[in-house]
Amino acid sequence: MTVWIVVAVVGFVSFSFKAAGPVFVGDRALPPRPAAVVALIGPVMLTALVVTQTVGGDEDVVLDARLPGVAAAAIAVKKGAPVVVGMAIAAAVTAALRAAI
C-alpha cells in the first residue's frame, strides 16, 4: 500500500511542476535565449536515451552490433529518411550484424 502512496505523491509533484510553468508564465513569451534552450531539451534528452541504450551495459561501455545500426539510422535520417524508416534500418543492420557474428 505504501508503494502506491509514493507513486501517487511522485505523480502529483511531477504534475505540479509541469503545470507551474504555464500557470506562472501565462501568456508571456520567454526571452529568446531561454526559449532556445527549452526548444533543445527534447532532442537532447532523446539523444541521451539513445546513446545510453546503445553503448550502455552493466557498469561499462559495450560496443556491439547496436552501434553500427544506430549509425546507419542516423545517416539515413540525416539524408532525409523518415524516422520510422531510420528505425527499420537500425533494426535491419543490427540484426544482420548479429546474424553474421
PDB file of N, CA and C in Angstrom:
ATOM      1  N   MET A   1       0.822  -1.198   0.000  1.00  0.00           N
ATOM      2  CA  MET A   1       0.000   0.000   0.000  1.00  0.00           C
ATOM      3  C   MET A   1       0.870   1.268   0.000  1.00  0.00           C
ATOM      4  N   THR A   2       1.979   1.245   0.716  1.00  0.00           N
ATOM      5  CA  THR A   2       2.815   2.442   0.778  1.00  0.00           C
ATOM      6  C   THR A   2       3.460   2.743  -0.568  1.00  0.00           C
ATOM      7  N   VAL A   3       3.679   1.709  -1.393  1.00  0.00           N
ATOM      8  CA  VAL A   3       4.252   1.932  -2.724  1.00  0.00           C
ATOM      9  C   VAL A   3       3.304   2.798  -3.548  1.00  0.00           C
ATOM     10  N   TRP A   4       2.013   2.522  -3.469  1.00  0.00           N
ATOM     11  CA  TRP A   4       1.052   3.295  -4.251  1.00  0.00           C
ATOM     12  C   TRP A   4       0.920   4.716  -3.737  1.00  0.00           C
ATOM     13  N   ILE A   5       1.114   4.906  -2.462  1.00  0.00           N
ATOM     14  CA  ILE A   5       1.112   6.269  -1.920  1.00  0.00           C
ATOM     15  C   ILE A   5       2.309   7.036  -2.490  1.00  0.00           C
ATOM     16  N   VAL A   6       3.464   6.398  -2.523  1.00  0.00           N
ATOM     17  CA  VAL A   6       4.658   7.044  -3.089  1.00  0.00           C
ATOM     18  C   VAL A   6       4.438   7.344  -4.568  1.00  0.00           C
ATOM     19  N   VAL A   7       3.869   6.407  -5.306  1.00  0.00           N
ATOM     20  CA  VAL A   7       3.595   6.626  -6.731  1.00  0.00           C
ATOM     21  C   VAL A   7       2.644   7.810  -6.911  1.00  0.00           C
ATOM     22  N   ALA A   8       1.602   7.879  -6.103  1.00  0.00           N
ATOM     23  CA  ALA A   8       0.642   8.980  -6.203  1.00  0.00           C
ATOM     24  C   ALA A   8       1.293  10.323  -5.864  1.00  0.00           C
ATOM     25  N   VAL A   9       2.105  10.346  -4.826  1.00  0.00           N
ATOM     26  CA  VAL A   9       2.764  11.599  -4.431  1.00  0.00           C
ATOM     27  C   VAL A   9       3.747  12.055  -5.505  1.00  0.00           C
ATOM     28  N   VAL A  10       4.552  11.133  -6.025  1.00  0.00           N
ATOM     29  CA  VAL A  10       5.507  11.491  -7.078  1.00  0.00           C
ATOM     30  C   VAL A  10       4.763  11.960  -8.330  1.00  0.00           C
ATOM     31  N   GLY A  11       3.681  11.306  -8.674  1.00  0.00           N
ATOM     32  CA  GLY A  11       2.877  11.733  -9.823  1.00  0.00           C
ATOM     33  C   GLY A  11       2.292  13.120  -9.621  1.00  0.00           C
ATOM     34  N   PHE A  12       1.793  13.393  -8.434  1.00  0.00           N
ATOM     35  CA  PHE A  12       1.229  14.712  -8.139  1.00  0.00           C
ATOM     36  C   PHE A  12       2.303  15.797  -8.188  1.00  0.00           C
ATOM     37  N   VAL A  13       3.463  15.528  -7.611  1.00  0.00           N
ATOM     38  CA  VAL A  13       4.557  16.511  -7.623  1.00  0.00           C
ATOM     39  C   VAL A  13       5.025  16.754  -9.056  1.00  0.00           C
ATOM     40  N   SER A  14       5.149  15.691  -9.843  1.00  0.00           N
ATOM     41  CA  SER A  14       5.553  15.839 -11.237  1.00  0.00           C
ATOM     42  C   SER A  14       4.532  16.669 -12.008  1.00  0.00           C
ATOM     43  N   PHE A  15       3.270  16.377 -11.822  1.00  0.00           N
ATOM     44  CA  PHE A  15       2.212  17.140 -12.480  1.00  0.00           C
ATOM     45  C   PHE A  15       2.254  18.602 -12.048  1.00  0.00           C
ATOM     46  N   SER A  16       2.488  18.843 -10.773  1.00  0.00           N
ATOM     47  CA  SER A  16       2.548  20.218 -10.260  1.00  0.00           C
ATOM     48  C   SER A  16       3.689  21.002 -10.887  1.00  0.00           C
ATOM     49  N   PHE A  17       4.862  20.362 -10.993  1.00  0.00           N
ATOM     50  CA  PHE A  17       5.996  21.045 -11.621  1.00  0.00           C
ATOM     51  C   PHE A  17       5.709  21.355 -13.084  1.00  0.00           C
ATOM     52  N   LYS A  18       5.096  20.413 -13.789  1.00  0.00           N
ATOM     53  CA  LYS A  18       4.805  20.645 -15.202  1.00  0.00           C
ATOM     54  C   LYS A  18       3.739  21.715 -15.380  1.00  0.00           C
ATOM     55  N   ALA A  19       2.801  21.802 -14.463  1.00  0.00           N
ATOM     56  CA  ALA A  19       1.745  22.803 -14.559  1.00  0.00           C
ATOM     57  C   ALA A  19       2.214  24.175 -14.104  1.00  0.00           C
ATOM     58  N   ALA A  20       3.271  24.237 -13.327  1.00  0.00           N
ATOM     59  CA  ALA A  20       3.729  25.516 -12.783  1.00  0.00           C
ATOM     60  C   ALA A  20       4.181  26.470 -13.879  1.00  0.00           C
ATOM     61  N   GLY A  21       4.816  25.973 -14.916  1.00  0.00           N
ATOM     62  CA  GLY A  21       5.290  26.847 -15.997  1.00  0.00           C
ATOM     63  C   GLY A  21       4.174  27.633 -16.646  1.00  0.00           C
ATOM     64  N   PRO A  22       3.165  26.969 -17.207  1.00  0.00           N
ATOM     65  CA  PRO A  22       2.070  27.727 -17.825  1.00  0.00           C
ATOM     66  C   PRO A  22       1.293  28.594 -16.832  1.00  0.00           C
ATOM     67  N   VAL A  23       1.184  28.142 -15.600  1.00  0.00           N
ATOM     68  CA  VAL A  23       0.430  28.919 -14.614  1.00  0.00           C
ATOM     69  C   VAL A  23       1.163  30.210 -14.279  1.00  0.00           C
ATOM     70  N   PHE A  24       2.466  30.121 -14.044  1.00  0.00           N
ATOM     71  CA  PHE A  24       3.217  31.308 -13.633  1.00  0.00           C
ATOM     72  C   PHE A  24       3.640  32.186 -14.803  1.00  0.00           C
ATOM     73  N   VAL A  25       3.928  31.597 -15.950  1.00  0.00           N
ATOM     74  CA  VAL A  25       4.357  32.389 -17.094  1.00  0.00           C
ATOM     75  C   VAL A  25       3.156  32.958 -17.832  1.00  0.00           C
ATOM     76  N   GLY A  26       2.084  32.188 -17.915  1.00  0.00           N
ATOM     77  CA  GLY A  26       0.864  32.669 -18.560  1.00  0.00           C
ATOM     78  C   GLY A  26       1.061  32.935 -20.035  1.00  0.00           C
ATOM     79  N   ASP A  27       0.609  34.108 -20.466  1.00  0.00           N
ATOM     80  CA  ASP A  27       0.679  34.466 -21.883  1.00  0.00           C
ATOM     81  C   ASP A  27       1.983  35.142 -22.265  1.00  0.00           C
ATOM     82  N   ARG A  28       2.876  35.326 -21.311  1.00  0.00           N
ATOM     83  CA  ARG A  28       4.143  35.997 -21.617  1.00  0.00           C
ATOM     84  C   ARG A  28       5.064  35.042 -22.375  1.00  0.00           C
ATOM     85  N   ALA A  29       5.767  35.597 -23.331  1.00  0.00           N
ATOM     86  CA  ALA A  29       6.737  34.798 -24.093  1.00  0.00           C
ATOM     87  C   ALA A  29       8.072  34.805 -23.369  1.00  0.00           C
ATOM     88  N   LEU A  30       8.790  33.711 -23.490  1.00  0.00           N
ATOM     89  CA  LEU A  30      10.124  33.655 -22.911  1.00  0.00           C
ATOM     90  C   LEU A  30      11.072  34.515 -23.728  1.00  0.00           C
ATOM     91  N   PRO A  31      12.099  35.048 -23.095  1.00  0.00           N
ATOM     92  CA  PRO A  31      13.133  35.739 -23.875  1.00  0.00           C
ATOM     93  C   PRO A  31      13.782  34.756 -24.856  1.00  0.00           C
ATOM     94  N   PRO A  32      14.408  35.263 -25.911  1.00  0.00           N
ATOM     95  CA  PRO A  32      14.936  34.372 -26.962  1.00  0.00           C
ATOM     96  C   PRO A  32      15.923  33.319 -26.465  1.00  0.00           C
ATOM     97  N   ARG A  33      16.811  33.685 -25.569  1.00  0.00           N
ATOM     98  CA  ARG A  33      17.832  32.731 -25.109  1.00  0.00           C
ATOM     99  C   ARG A  33      17.213  31.556 -24.340  1.00  0.00           C
ATOM    100  N   PRO A  34      16.377  31.779 -23.311  1.00  0.00           N
ATOM    101  CA  PRO A  34      15.740  30.641 -22.639  1.00  0.00           C
ATOM    102  C   PRO A  34      14.820  29.843 -23.566  1.00  0.00           C
ATOM    103  N   ALA A  35      14.160  30.507 -24.509  1.00  0.00           N
ATOM    104  CA  ALA A  35      13.294  29.792 -25.455  1.00  0.00           C
ATOM    105  C   ALA A  35      14.108  28.832 -26.310  1.00  0.00           C
ATOM    106  N   ALA A  36      15.319  29.252 -26.704  1.00  0.00           N
ATOM    107  CA  ALA A  36      16.184  28.372 -27.493  1.00  0.00           C
ATOM    108  C   ALA A  36      16.624  27.168 -26.676  1.00  0.00           C
ATOM    109  N   VAL A  37      16.896  27.386 -25.390  1.00  0.00           N
ATOM    110  CA  VAL A  37      17.294  26.274 -24.514  1.00  0.00           C
ATOM    111  C   VAL A  37      16.138  25.299 -24.333  1.00  0.00           C
ATOM    112  N   VAL A  38      14.944  25.821 -24.112  1.00  0.00           N
ATOM    113  CA  VAL A  38      13.772  24.962 -23.927  1.00  0.00           C
ATOM    114  C   VAL A  38      13.498  24.153 -25.191  1.00  0.00           C
ATOM    115  N   ALA A  39      13.701  24.762 -26.346  1.00  0.00           N
ATOM    116  CA  ALA A  39      13.465  24.049 -27.617  1.00  0.00           C
ATOM    117  C   ALA A  39      14.435  22.886 -27.804  1.00  0.00           C
ATOM    118  N   LEU A  40      15.612  22.949 -27.195  1.00  0.00           N
ATOM    119  CA  LEU A  40      16.610  21.893 -27.367  1.00  0.00           C
ATOM    120  C   LEU A  40      16.516  20.783 -26.322  1.00  0.00           C
ATOM    121  N   ILE A  41      15.700  20.954 -25.304  1.00  0.00           N
ATOM    122  CA  ILE A  41      15.636  19.955 -24.232  1.00  0.00           C
ATOM    123  C   ILE A  41      15.154  18.602 -24.757  1.00  0.00           C
ATOM    124  N   GLY A  42      14.118  18.589 -25.576  1.00  0.00           N
ATOM    125  CA  GLY A  42      13.584  17.329 -26.100  1.00  0.00           C
ATOM    126  C   GLY A  42      14.591  16.536 -26.917  1.00  0.00           C
ATOM    127  N   PRO A  43      15.192  17.142 -27.946  1.00  0.00           N
ATOM    128  CA  PRO A  43      16.186  16.401 -28.728  1.00  0.00           C
ATOM    129  C   PRO A  43      17.388  15.941 -27.908  1.00  0.00           C
ATOM    130  N   VAL A  44      17.828  16.760 -26.974  1.00  0.00           N
ATOM    131  CA  VAL A  44      18.976  16.369 -26.151  1.00  0.00           C
ATOM    132  C   VAL A  44      18.634  15.178 -25.269  1.00  0.00           C
ATOM    133  N   MET A  45      17.450  15.181 -24.680  1.00  0.00           N
ATOM    134  CA  MET A  45      17.052  14.055 -23.835  1.00  0.00           C
ATOM    135  C   MET A  45      16.895  12.782 -24.665  1.00  0.00           C
ATOM    136  N   LEU A  46      16.341  12.889 -25.864  1.00  0.00           N
ATOM    137  CA  LEU A  46      16.211  11.723 -26.739  1.00  0.00           C
ATOM    138  C   LEU A  46      17.580  11.188 -27.139  1.00  0.00           C
ATOM    139  N   THR A  47      18.496  12.089 -27.457  1.00  0.00           N
ATOM    140  CA  THR A  47      19.854  11.668 -27.807  1.00  0.00           C
ATOM    141  C   THR A  47      20.530  10.954 -26.649  1.00  0.00           C
ATOM    142  N   ALA A  48      20.377  11.489 -25.451  1.00  0.00           N
ATOM    143  CA  ALA A  48      20.970  10.847 -24.274  1.00  0.00           C
ATOM    144  C   ALA A  48      20.390   9.455 -24.061  1.00  0.00           C
ATOM    145  N   LEU A  49      19.090   9.310 -24.264  1.00  0.00           N
ATOM    146  CA  LEU A  49      18.462   7.998 -24.120  1.00  0.00           C
ATOM    147  C   LEU A  49      18.993   7.011 -25.157  1.00  0.00           C
ATOM    148  N   VAL A  50      19.095   7.447 -26.407  1.00  0.00           N
ATOM    149  CA  VAL A  50      19.581   6.566 -27.468  1.00  0.00           C
ATOM    150  C   VAL A  50      21.024   6.150 -27.198  1.00  0.00           C
ATOM    151  N   VAL A  51      21.865   7.093 -26.792  1.00  0.00           N
ATOM    152  CA  VAL A  51      23.275   6.771 -26.544  1.00  0.00           C
ATOM    153  C   VAL A  51      23.411   5.797 -25.389  1.00  0.00           C
ATOM    154  N   THR A  52      22.707   6.033 -24.285  1.00  0.00           N
ATOM    155  CA  THR A  52      22.838   5.122 -23.147  1.00  0.00           C
ATOM    156  C   THR A  52      22.298   3.734 -23.465  1.00  0.00           C
ATOM    157  N   GLN A  53      21.248   3.657 -24.280  1.00  0.00           N
ATOM    158  CA  GLN A  53      20.718   2.349 -24.646  1.00  0.00           C
ATOM    159  C   GLN A  53      21.598   1.654 -25.680  1.00  0.00           C
ATOM    160  N   THR A  54      22.360   2.436 -26.453  1.00  0.00           N
ATOM    161  CA  THR A  54      23.198   1.849 -27.497  1.00  0.00           C
ATOM    162  C   THR A  54      24.507   1.309 -26.937  1.00  0.00           C
ATOM    163  N   VAL A  55      25.191   2.066 -26.120  1.00  0.00           N
ATOM    164  CA  VAL A  55      26.511   1.650 -25.645  1.00  0.00           C
ATOM    165  C   VAL A  55      26.541   1.325 -24.162  1.00  0.00           C
ATOM    166  N   GLY A  56      25.419   1.417 -23.483  1.00  0.00           N
ATOM    167  CA  GLY A  56      25.398   1.148 -22.054  1.00  0.00           C
ATOM    168  C   GLY A  56      25.321  -0.330 -21.754  1.00  0.00           C
ATOM    169  N   GLY A  57      26.009  -0.729 -20.720  1.00  0.00           N
ATOM    170  CA  GLY A  57      25.995  -2.111 -20.271  1.00  0.00           C
ATOM    171  C   GLY A  57      25.941  -2.140 -18.759  1.00  0.00           C
ATOM    172  N   ASP A  58      26.302  -3.234 -18.186  1.00  0.00           N
ATOM    173  CA  ASP A  58      26.355  -3.352 -16.735  1.00  0.00           C
ATOM    174  C   ASP A  58      27.620  -2.681 -16.228  1.00  0.00           C
ATOM    175  N   GLU A  59      27.521  -1.382 -15.988  1.00  0.00           N
ATOM    176  CA  GLU A  59      28.600  -0.574 -15.431  1.00  0.00           C
ATOM    177  C   GLU A  59      29.823  -0.447 -16.346  1.00  0.00           C
ATOM    178  N   ASP A  60      29.667  -0.696 -17.636  1.00  0.00           N
ATOM    179  CA  ASP A  60      30.764  -0.491 -18.569  1.00  0.00           C
ATOM    180  C   ASP A  60      30.188  -0.204 -19.956  1.00  0.00           C
ATOM    181  N   VAL A  61      31.028   0.269 -20.831  1.00  0.00           N
ATOM    182  CA  VAL A  61      30.617   0.592 -22.194  1.00  0.00           C
ATOM    183  C   VAL A  61      30.682  -0.675 -23.041  1.00  0.00           C
ATOM    184  N   VAL A  62      29.607  -0.933 -23.775  1.00  0.00           N
ATOM    185  CA  VAL A  62      29.524  -2.122 -24.620  1.00  0.00           C
ATOM    186  C   VAL A  62      29.439  -1.675 -26.075  1.00  0.00           C
ATOM    187  N   LEU A  63      30.403  -2.073 -26.871  1.00  0.00           N
ATOM    188  CA  LEU A  63      30.385  -1.764 -28.298  1.00  0.00           C
ATOM    189  C   LEU A  63      30.065  -3.047 -29.051  1.00  0.00           C
ATOM    190  N   ASP A  64      28.836  -3.151 -29.518  1.00  0.00           N
ATOM    191  CA  ASP A  64      28.418  -4.349 -30.238  1.00  0.00           C
ATOM    192  C   ASP A  64      27.656  -3.935 -31.498  1.00  0.00           C
ATOM    193  N   ALA A  65      26.792  -4.786 -31.999  1.00  0.00           N
ATOM    194  CA  ALA A  65      26.109  -4.553 -33.272  1.00  0.00           C
ATOM    195  C   ALA A  65      25.111  -3.399 -33.213  1.00  0.00           C
ATOM    196  N   ARG A  66      24.738  -2.954 -32.023  1.00  0.00           N
ATOM    197  CA  ARG A  66      23.795  -1.847 -31.927  1.00  0.00           C
ATOM    198  C   ARG A  66      24.385  -0.540 -32.449  1.00  0.00           C
ATOM    199  N   LEU A  67      25.662  -0.331 -32.227  1.00  0.00           N
ATOM    200  CA  LEU A  67      26.287   0.931 -32.613  1.00  0.00           C
ATOM    201  C   LEU A  67      26.257   1.160 -34.134  1.00  0.00           C
ATOM    202  N   PRO A  68      26.659   0.198 -34.966  1.00  0.00           N
ATOM    203  CA  PRO A  68      26.526   0.424 -36.415  1.00  0.00           C
ATOM    204  C   PRO A  68      25.071   0.583 -36.859  1.00  0.00           C
ATOM    205  N   GLY A  69      24.159  -0.081 -36.179  1.00  0.00           N
ATOM    206  CA  GLY A  69      22.740   0.078 -36.517  1.00  0.00           C
ATOM    207  C   GLY A  69      22.255   1.491 -36.273  1.00  0.00           C
ATOM    208  N   VAL A  70      22.615   2.046 -35.133  1.00  0.00           N
ATOM    209  CA  VAL A  70      22.222   3.424 -34.827  1.00  0.00           C
ATOM    210  C   VAL A  70      22.921   4.394 -35.771  1.00  0.00           C
ATOM    211  N   ALA A  71      24.180   4.118 -36.088  1.00  0.00           N
ATOM    212  CA  ALA A  71      24.899   4.985 -37.030  1.00  0.00           C
ATOM    213  C   ALA A  71      24.232   4.968 -38.404  1.00  0.00           C
ATOM    214  N   ALA A  72      23.811   3.797 -38.869  1.00  0.00           N
ATOM    215  CA  ALA A  72      23.127   3.704 -40.162  1.00  0.00           C
ATOM    216  C   ALA A  72      21.806   4.472 -40.133  1.00  0.00           C
ATOM    217  N   ALA A  73      21.084   4.377 -39.021  1.00  0.00           N
ATOM    218  CA  ALA A  73      19.826   5.116 -38.901  1.00  0.00           C
ATOM    219  C   ALA A  73      20.078   6.613 -38.888  1.00  0.00           C
ATOM    220  N   ALA A  74      21.121   7.048 -38.198  1.00  0.00           N
ATOM    221  CA  ALA A  74      21.443   8.479 -38.143  1.00  0.00           C
ATOM    222  C   ALA A  74      21.780   9.008 -39.529  1.00  0.00           C
ATOM    223  N   ILE A  75      22.525   8.234 -40.301  1.00  0.00           N
ATOM    224  CA  ILE A  75      22.873   8.647 -41.663  1.00  0.00           C
ATOM    225  C   ILE A  75      21.619   8.732 -42.525  1.00  0.00           C
ATOM    226  N   ALA A  76      20.737   7.743 -42.393  1.00  0.00           N
ATOM    227  CA  ALA A  76      19.508   7.732 -43.194  1.00  0.00           C
ATOM    228  C   ALA A  76      18.624   8.930 -42.855  1.00  0.00           C
ATOM    229  N   VAL A  77      18.472   9.218 -41.569  1.00  0.00           N
ATOM    230  CA  VAL A  77      17.641  10.351 -41.166  1.00  0.00           C
ATOM    231  C   VAL A  77      18.288  11.666 -41.591  1.00  0.00           C
ATOM    232  N   LYS A  78      19.586  11.755 -41.501  1.00  0.00           N
ATOM    233  CA  LYS A  78      20.300  12.960 -41.935  1.00  0.00           C
ATOM    234  C   LYS A  78      20.106  13.208 -43.427  1.00  0.00           C
ATOM    235  N   LYS A  79      19.992  12.133 -44.206  1.00  0.00           N
ATOM    236  CA  LYS A  79      19.796  12.262 -45.648  1.00  0.00           C
ATOM    237  C   LYS A  79      18.332  12.491 -46.025  1.00  0.00           C
ATOM    238  N   GLY A  80      17.436  12.539 -45.009  1.00  0.00           N
ATOM    239  CA  GLY A  80      16.047  12.884 -45.283  1.00  0.00           C
ATOM    240  C   GLY A  80      15.041  11.764 -45.124  1.00  0.00           C
ATOM    241  N   ALA A  81      15.464  10.598 -44.697  1.00  0.00           N
ATOM    242  CA  ALA A  81      14.523   9.500 -44.499  1.00  0.00           C
ATOM    243  C   ALA A  81      13.655   9.779 -43.270  1.00  0.00           C
ATOM    244  N   PRO A  82      12.414   9.326 -43.270  1.00  0.00           N
ATOM    245  CA  PRO A  82      11.577   9.481 -42.077  1.00  0.00           C
ATOM    246  C   PRO A  82      12.165   8.694 -40.899  1.00  0.00           C
ATOM    247  N   VAL A  83      11.822   9.107 -39.706  1.00  0.00           N
ATOM    248  CA  VAL A  83      12.371   8.471 -38.510  1.00  0.00           C
ATOM    249  C   VAL A  83      11.989   6.986 -38.450  1.00  0.00           C
ATOM    250  N   VAL A  84      10.782   6.657 -38.872  1.00  0.00           N
ATOM    251  CA  VAL A  84      10.344   5.252 -38.854  1.00  0.00           C
ATOM    252  C   VAL A  84      11.220   4.412 -39.772  1.00  0.00           C
ATOM    253  N   VAL A  85      11.571   4.959 -40.924  1.00  0.00           N
ATOM    254  CA  VAL A  85      12.462   4.247 -41.846  1.00  0.00           C
ATOM    255  C   VAL A  85      13.841   4.094 -41.211  1.00  0.00           C
ATOM    256  N   GLY A  86      14.308   5.140 -40.535  1.00  0.00           N
ATOM    257  CA  GLY A  86      15.588   5.062 -39.839  1.00  0.00           C
ATOM    258  C   GLY A  86      15.581   3.982 -38.773  1.00  0.00           C
ATOM    259  N   MET A  87      14.480   3.854 -38.054  1.00  0.00           N
ATOM    260  CA  MET A  87      14.369   2.798 -37.044  1.00  0.00           C
ATOM    261  C   MET A  87      14.412   1.420 -37.695  1.00  0.00           C
ATOM    262  N   ALA A  88      13.749   1.274 -38.830  1.00  0.00           N
ATOM    263  CA  ALA A  88      13.769  -0.011 -39.532  1.00  0.00           C
ATOM    264  C   ALA A  88      15.174  -0.327 -40.043  1.00  0.00           C
ATOM    265  N   ILE A  89      15.874   0.685 -40.522  1.00  0.00           N
ATOM    266  CA  ILE A  89      17.249   0.475 -40.986  1.00  0.00           C
ATOM    267  C   ILE A  89      18.138   0.067 -39.822  1.00  0.00           C
ATOM    268  N   ALA A  90      17.973   0.726 -38.681  1.00  0.00           N
ATOM    269  CA  ALA A  90      18.772   0.372 -37.498  1.00  0.00           C
ATOM    270  C   ALA A  90      18.518  -1.071 -37.089  1.00  0.00           C
ATOM    271  N   ALA A  91      17.259  -1.478 -37.098  1.00  0.00           N
ATOM    272  CA  ALA A  91      16.931  -2.855 -36.724  1.00  0.00           C
ATOM    273  C   ALA A  91      17.515  -3.847 -37.727  1.00  0.00           C
ATOM    274  N   ALA A  92      17.429  -3.524 -39.004  1.00  0.00           N
ATOM    275  CA  ALA A  92      17.927  -4.437 -40.034  1.00  0.00           C
ATOM    276  C   ALA A  92      19.447  -4.573 -39.973  1.00  0.00           C
ATOM    277  N   VAL A  93      20.142  -3.458 -39.830  1.00  0.00           N
ATOM    278  CA  VAL A  93      21.608  -3.508 -39.762  1.00  0.00           C
ATOM    279  C   VAL A  93      22.058  -4.257 -38.514  1.00  0.00           C
ATOM    280  N   THR A  94      21.424  -3.964 -37.389  1.00  0.00           N
ATOM    281  CA  THR A  94      21.787  -4.643 -36.158  1.00  0.00           C
ATOM    282  C   THR A  94      21.532  -6.150 -36.261  1.00  0.00           C
ATOM    283  N   ALA A  95      20.368  -6.523 -36.809  1.00  0.00           N
ATOM    284  CA  ALA A  95      20.056  -7.944 -36.961  1.00  0.00           C
ATOM    285  C   ALA A  95      21.008  -8.630 -37.907  1.00  0.00           C
ATOM    286  N   ALA A  96      21.360  -7.963 -39.003  1.00  0.00           N
ATOM    287  CA  ALA A  96      22.277  -8.567 -39.960  1.00  0.00           C
ATOM    288  C   ALA A  96      23.666  -8.784 -39.345  1.00  0.00           C
ATOM    289  N   LEU A  97      24.128  -7.795 -38.580  1.00  0.00           N
ATOM    290  CA  LEU A  97      25.440  -7.950 -37.947  1.00  0.00           C
ATOM    291  C   LEU A  97      25.434  -9.027 -36.869  1.00  0.00           C
ATOM    292  N   ARG A  98      24.347  -9.109 -36.123  1.00  0.00           N
ATOM    293  CA  ARG A  98      24.262 -10.174 -35.092  1.00  0.00           C
ATOM    294  C   ARG A  98      24.191 -11.548 -35.744  1.00  0.00           C
ATOM    295  N   ALA A  99      23.513 -11.645 -36.881  1.00  0.00           N
ATOM    296  CA  ALA A  99      23.437 -12.939 -37.570  1.00  0.00           C
ATOM    297  C   ALA A  99      24.780 -13.333 -38.173  1.00  0.00           C
ATOM    298  N   ALA A 100      25.561 -12.334 -38.591  1.00  0.00           N
ATOM    299  CA  ALA A 100      26.839 -12.600 -39.215  1.00  0.00           C
ATOM    300  C   ALA A 100      27.906 -13.008 -38.196  1.00  0.00           C
ATOM    301  N   ILE A 101      27.732 -12.584 -36.972  1.00  0.00           N
ATOM    302  CA  ILE A 101      28.749 -12.854 -35.947  1.00  0.00           C
ATOM    303  C   ILE A 101      28.585 -14.231 -35.360  1.00  0.00           C
TER     304      ILE A 101
END
